[in-house]
């Protein structure tokens, strides 16, 4: 993350993105991004909802979507044509 965000976001924002990434990895483990469909991703969102308020889950979703979009931009994943991520 520091490669793309140096001097562009506050440290607290960087920490939130790192937390979102860690939660995503903790839930899905070591799998290819392209293997995560809308149903699997919704399970992740529901999992977050067990411990966090709706506003926090919404924030995590936006952070994960930003990370995913960067992965697409860098060629690590293909753009999904349907809603989900």
N, C-alpha and C. Protein backbone atom coordinates (compact mmCIF):
# COMPACT_ATOMS: atom_id res chain seq x y z
N UNK A 1 0.81 -1.19 0.00
CA UNK A 1 0.00 0.00 0.00
C UNK A 1 0.86 1.26 0.00
N UNK A 2 1.95 1.24 0.71
CA UNK A 2 2.77 2.45 0.81
C UNK A 2 3.30 2.88 -0.56
N UNK A 3 3.46 1.96 -1.48
CA UNK A 3 3.96 2.30 -2.81
C UNK A 3 3.05 3.29 -3.51
N UNK A 4 1.74 3.13 -3.35
CA UNK A 4 0.77 3.94 -4.07
C UNK A 4 0.20 5.08 -3.24
N UNK A 5 0.33 5.03 -1.94
CA UNK A 5 -0.35 6.00 -1.10
C UNK A 5 0.58 6.91 -0.31
N UNK A 6 1.89 6.81 -0.51
CA UNK A 6 2.81 7.65 0.25
C UNK A 6 2.44 9.12 0.10
N UNK A 7 2.33 9.79 1.24
CA UNK A 7 2.03 11.22 1.30
C UNK A 7 0.70 11.61 0.67
N UNK A 8 -0.19 10.66 0.47
CA UNK A 8 -1.49 10.96 -0.14
C UNK A 8 -2.64 10.75 0.82
N UNK A 9 -2.45 9.94 1.85
CA UNK A 9 -3.50 9.69 2.83
C UNK A 9 -2.90 9.77 4.23
N UNK A 10 -3.76 10.01 5.21
CA UNK A 10 -3.28 10.06 6.59
C UNK A 10 -2.90 8.67 7.06
N UNK A 11 -2.13 8.62 8.11
CA UNK A 11 -1.73 7.33 8.68
C UNK A 11 -2.94 6.54 9.14
N UNK A 12 -3.95 7.23 9.70
CA UNK A 12 -5.15 6.52 10.17
C UNK A 12 -5.91 5.88 9.00
N UNK A 13 -5.96 6.55 7.86
CA UNK A 13 -6.60 5.97 6.67
C UNK A 13 -5.82 4.76 6.18
N UNK A 14 -4.51 4.88 6.18
CA UNK A 14 -3.66 3.76 5.78
C UNK A 14 -3.89 2.55 6.68
N UNK A 15 -4.02 2.78 7.97
CA UNK A 15 -4.27 1.70 8.92
C UNK A 15 -5.60 1.03 8.63
N UNK A 16 -6.62 1.81 8.28
CA UNK A 16 -7.94 1.23 7.97
C UNK A 16 -7.88 0.37 6.71
N UNK A 17 -7.13 0.80 5.71
CA UNK A 17 -6.98 -0.02 4.51
C UNK A 17 -6.23 -1.31 4.83
N UNK A 18 -5.22 -1.22 5.65
CA UNK A 18 -4.47 -2.41 6.04
C UNK A 18 -5.36 -3.38 6.82
N UNK A 19 -6.20 -2.84 7.70
CA UNK A 19 -7.14 -3.68 8.45
C UNK A 19 -8.13 -4.37 7.52
N UNK A 20 -8.66 -3.62 6.57
CA UNK A 20 -9.60 -4.21 5.60
C UNK A 20 -8.93 -5.35 4.84
N UNK A 21 -7.70 -5.12 4.40
CA UNK A 21 -6.94 -6.14 3.67
C UNK A 21 -6.72 -7.37 4.53
N UNK A 22 -6.31 -7.16 5.77
CA UNK A 22 -6.07 -8.29 6.69
C UNK A 22 -7.34 -9.08 6.95
N UNK A 23 -8.47 -8.40 7.13
CA UNK A 23 -9.73 -9.10 7.35
C UNK A 23 -10.13 -9.92 6.12
N UNK A 24 -9.91 -9.36 4.96
CA UNK A 24 -10.20 -10.05 3.71
C UNK A 24 -9.36 -11.32 3.59
N UNK A 25 -8.07 -11.21 3.85
CA UNK A 25 -7.16 -12.36 3.77
C UNK A 25 -7.49 -13.38 4.85
N UNK A 26 -7.80 -12.92 6.06
CA UNK A 26 -8.16 -13.84 7.14
C UNK A 26 -9.39 -14.67 6.77
N UNK A 27 -10.35 -14.04 6.10
CA UNK A 27 -11.57 -14.75 5.74
C UNK A 27 -11.36 -15.69 4.55
N UNK A 28 -10.73 -15.20 3.49
CA UNK A 28 -10.62 -15.97 2.25
C UNK A 28 -9.36 -16.83 2.18
N UNK A 29 -8.33 -16.46 2.90
CA UNK A 29 -7.09 -17.21 2.82
C UNK A 29 -6.36 -16.92 1.52
N UNK A 30 -5.56 -17.85 1.11
CA UNK A 30 -4.71 -17.70 -0.08
C UNK A 30 -5.43 -18.23 -1.31
N UNK A 31 -6.32 -17.41 -1.89
CA UNK A 31 -7.02 -17.82 -3.10
C UNK A 31 -6.89 -16.72 -4.15
N UNK A 32 -7.15 -17.06 -5.39
CA UNK A 32 -7.11 -16.09 -6.47
C UNK A 32 -8.32 -15.16 -6.38
N UNK A 33 -8.12 -13.88 -6.62
CA UNK A 33 -9.22 -12.93 -6.58
C UNK A 33 -10.33 -13.30 -7.55
N UNK A 34 -9.95 -13.81 -8.72
CA UNK A 34 -10.95 -14.16 -9.73
C UNK A 34 -11.85 -15.31 -9.29
N UNK A 35 -11.48 -16.04 -8.26
CA UNK A 35 -12.32 -17.16 -7.80
C UNK A 35 -13.36 -16.71 -6.79
N UNK A 36 -13.36 -15.44 -6.42
CA UNK A 36 -14.34 -14.92 -5.46
C UNK A 36 -15.53 -14.37 -6.24
N UNK A 37 -16.67 -15.04 -6.10
CA UNK A 37 -17.87 -14.58 -6.78
C UNK A 37 -18.71 -13.75 -5.81
N UNK A 38 -19.85 -13.27 -6.29
CA UNK A 38 -20.71 -12.40 -5.48
C UNK A 38 -21.22 -13.10 -4.22
N UNK A 39 -21.51 -14.39 -4.30
CA UNK A 39 -22.01 -15.13 -3.15
C UNK A 39 -20.92 -15.26 -2.07
N UNK A 40 -19.73 -15.60 -2.48
CA UNK A 40 -18.62 -15.71 -1.52
C UNK A 40 -18.33 -14.35 -0.87
N UNK A 41 -18.37 -13.30 -1.69
CA UNK A 41 -18.09 -11.97 -1.15
C UNK A 41 -19.19 -11.55 -0.17
N UNK A 42 -20.43 -11.89 -0.48
CA UNK A 42 -21.53 -11.56 0.44
C UNK A 42 -21.37 -12.29 1.77
N UNK A 43 -20.87 -13.50 1.73
CA UNK A 43 -20.59 -14.22 2.98
C UNK A 43 -19.55 -13.47 3.82
N UNK A 44 -18.57 -12.91 3.15
CA UNK A 44 -17.57 -12.10 3.84
C UNK A 44 -18.21 -10.87 4.48
N UNK A 45 -19.05 -10.19 3.73
CA UNK A 45 -19.75 -9.01 4.26
C UNK A 45 -20.61 -9.40 5.46
N UNK A 46 -21.33 -10.51 5.34
CA UNK A 46 -22.17 -10.98 6.46
C UNK A 46 -21.31 -11.33 7.68
N UNK A 47 -20.16 -11.91 7.44
CA UNK A 47 -19.22 -12.24 8.51
C UNK A 47 -18.79 -10.97 9.25
N UNK A 48 -18.45 -9.94 8.50
CA UNK A 48 -18.09 -8.67 9.12
C UNK A 48 -19.25 -8.10 9.93
N UNK A 49 -20.46 -8.28 9.41
CA UNK A 49 -21.65 -7.76 10.07
C UNK A 49 -21.93 -8.39 11.42
N UNK A 50 -21.34 -9.55 11.67
CA UNK A 50 -21.52 -10.20 12.97
C UNK A 50 -20.84 -9.43 14.09
N UNK A 51 -19.78 -8.71 13.79
CA UNK A 51 -18.99 -8.01 14.80
C UNK A 51 -18.96 -6.50 14.65
N UNK A 52 -19.41 -5.97 13.51
CA UNK A 52 -19.28 -4.54 13.26
C UNK A 52 -20.63 -3.93 12.91
N UNK A 53 -20.72 -2.62 13.13
CA UNK A 53 -21.91 -1.86 12.77
C UNK A 53 -22.01 -1.75 11.25
N UNK A 54 -23.20 -1.48 10.77
CA UNK A 54 -23.45 -1.38 9.33
C UNK A 54 -22.53 -0.34 8.68
N UNK A 55 -22.35 0.80 9.32
CA UNK A 55 -21.48 1.84 8.76
C UNK A 55 -20.05 1.35 8.61
N UNK A 56 -19.57 0.58 9.56
CA UNK A 56 -18.21 0.03 9.50
C UNK A 56 -18.10 -0.99 8.37
N UNK A 57 -19.11 -1.84 8.24
CA UNK A 57 -19.11 -2.84 7.16
C UNK A 57 -19.12 -2.14 5.81
N UNK A 58 -19.90 -1.08 5.69
CA UNK A 58 -19.95 -0.32 4.45
C UNK A 58 -18.58 0.29 4.13
N UNK A 59 -17.92 0.80 5.15
CA UNK A 59 -16.59 1.36 4.96
C UNK A 59 -15.60 0.29 4.52
N UNK A 60 -15.66 -0.88 5.16
CA UNK A 60 -14.77 -1.99 4.78
C UNK A 60 -15.02 -2.39 3.33
N UNK A 61 -16.30 -2.44 2.94
CA UNK A 61 -16.65 -2.80 1.57
C UNK A 61 -16.01 -1.81 0.58
N UNK A 62 -16.10 -0.53 0.86
CA UNK A 62 -15.51 0.48 -0.02
C UNK A 62 -13.99 0.35 -0.08
N UNK A 63 -13.38 0.04 1.06
CA UNK A 63 -11.93 -0.14 1.08
C UNK A 63 -11.50 -1.36 0.27
N UNK A 64 -12.22 -2.45 0.45
CA UNK A 64 -11.92 -3.68 -0.31
C UNK A 64 -12.14 -3.46 -1.79
N UNK A 65 -13.20 -2.75 -2.14
CA UNK A 65 -13.47 -2.46 -3.55
C UNK A 65 -12.33 -1.63 -4.15
N UNK A 66 -11.82 -0.66 -3.41
CA UNK A 66 -10.70 0.16 -3.90
C UNK A 66 -9.46 -0.70 -4.10
N UNK A 67 -9.20 -1.59 -3.16
CA UNK A 67 -8.05 -2.50 -3.28
C UNK A 67 -8.23 -3.41 -4.49
N UNK A 68 -9.44 -3.94 -4.66
CA UNK A 68 -9.73 -4.82 -5.79
C UNK A 68 -9.54 -4.07 -7.12
N UNK A 69 -10.06 -2.84 -7.19
CA UNK A 69 -9.92 -2.05 -8.41
C UNK A 69 -8.45 -1.80 -8.74
N UNK A 70 -7.63 -1.59 -7.73
CA UNK A 70 -6.19 -1.41 -7.95
C UNK A 70 -5.58 -2.71 -8.47
N UNK A 71 -6.03 -3.84 -7.94
CA UNK A 71 -5.54 -5.14 -8.42
C UNK A 71 -5.90 -5.34 -9.89
N UNK A 72 -7.09 -4.92 -10.28
CA UNK A 72 -7.51 -5.00 -11.69
C UNK A 72 -6.61 -4.11 -12.54
N UNK A 73 -6.40 -2.89 -12.07
CA UNK A 73 -5.56 -1.94 -12.79
C UNK A 73 -4.14 -2.47 -13.00
N UNK A 74 -3.64 -3.20 -12.02
CA UNK A 74 -2.28 -3.74 -12.10
C UNK A 74 -2.21 -5.10 -12.80
N UNK A 75 -3.38 -5.64 -13.19
CA UNK A 75 -3.41 -6.90 -13.91
C UNK A 75 -3.43 -8.15 -13.04
N UNK A 76 -3.68 -7.99 -11.74
CA UNK A 76 -3.73 -9.14 -10.85
C UNK A 76 -5.09 -9.82 -10.84
N UNK A 77 -6.10 -9.16 -11.36
CA UNK A 77 -7.46 -9.71 -11.41
C UNK A 77 -8.16 -9.14 -12.63
N UNK A 78 -9.19 -9.84 -13.06
CA UNK A 78 -10.01 -9.34 -14.16
C UNK A 78 -11.18 -8.55 -13.61
N UNK A 79 -11.61 -7.55 -14.32
CA UNK A 79 -12.76 -6.75 -13.91
C UNK A 79 -14.00 -7.60 -13.96
N UNK A 80 -14.76 -7.58 -12.87
CA UNK A 80 -16.02 -8.31 -12.82
C UNK A 80 -17.07 -7.50 -13.59
N UNK A 81 -17.87 -8.19 -14.40
CA UNK A 81 -18.89 -7.49 -15.17
C UNK A 81 -20.21 -7.43 -14.41
N UNK A 82 -20.30 -8.12 -13.30
CA UNK A 82 -21.52 -8.10 -12.50
C UNK A 82 -21.21 -7.45 -11.15
N UNK A 83 -22.25 -7.12 -10.43
CA UNK A 83 -22.05 -6.50 -9.13
C UNK A 83 -21.51 -7.53 -8.15
N UNK A 84 -20.86 -7.07 -7.14
CA UNK A 84 -20.28 -7.92 -6.13
C UNK A 84 -19.15 -7.14 -5.48
N UNK A 85 -18.00 -7.21 -6.06
CA UNK A 85 -16.88 -6.40 -5.59
C UNK A 85 -16.92 -5.11 -6.27
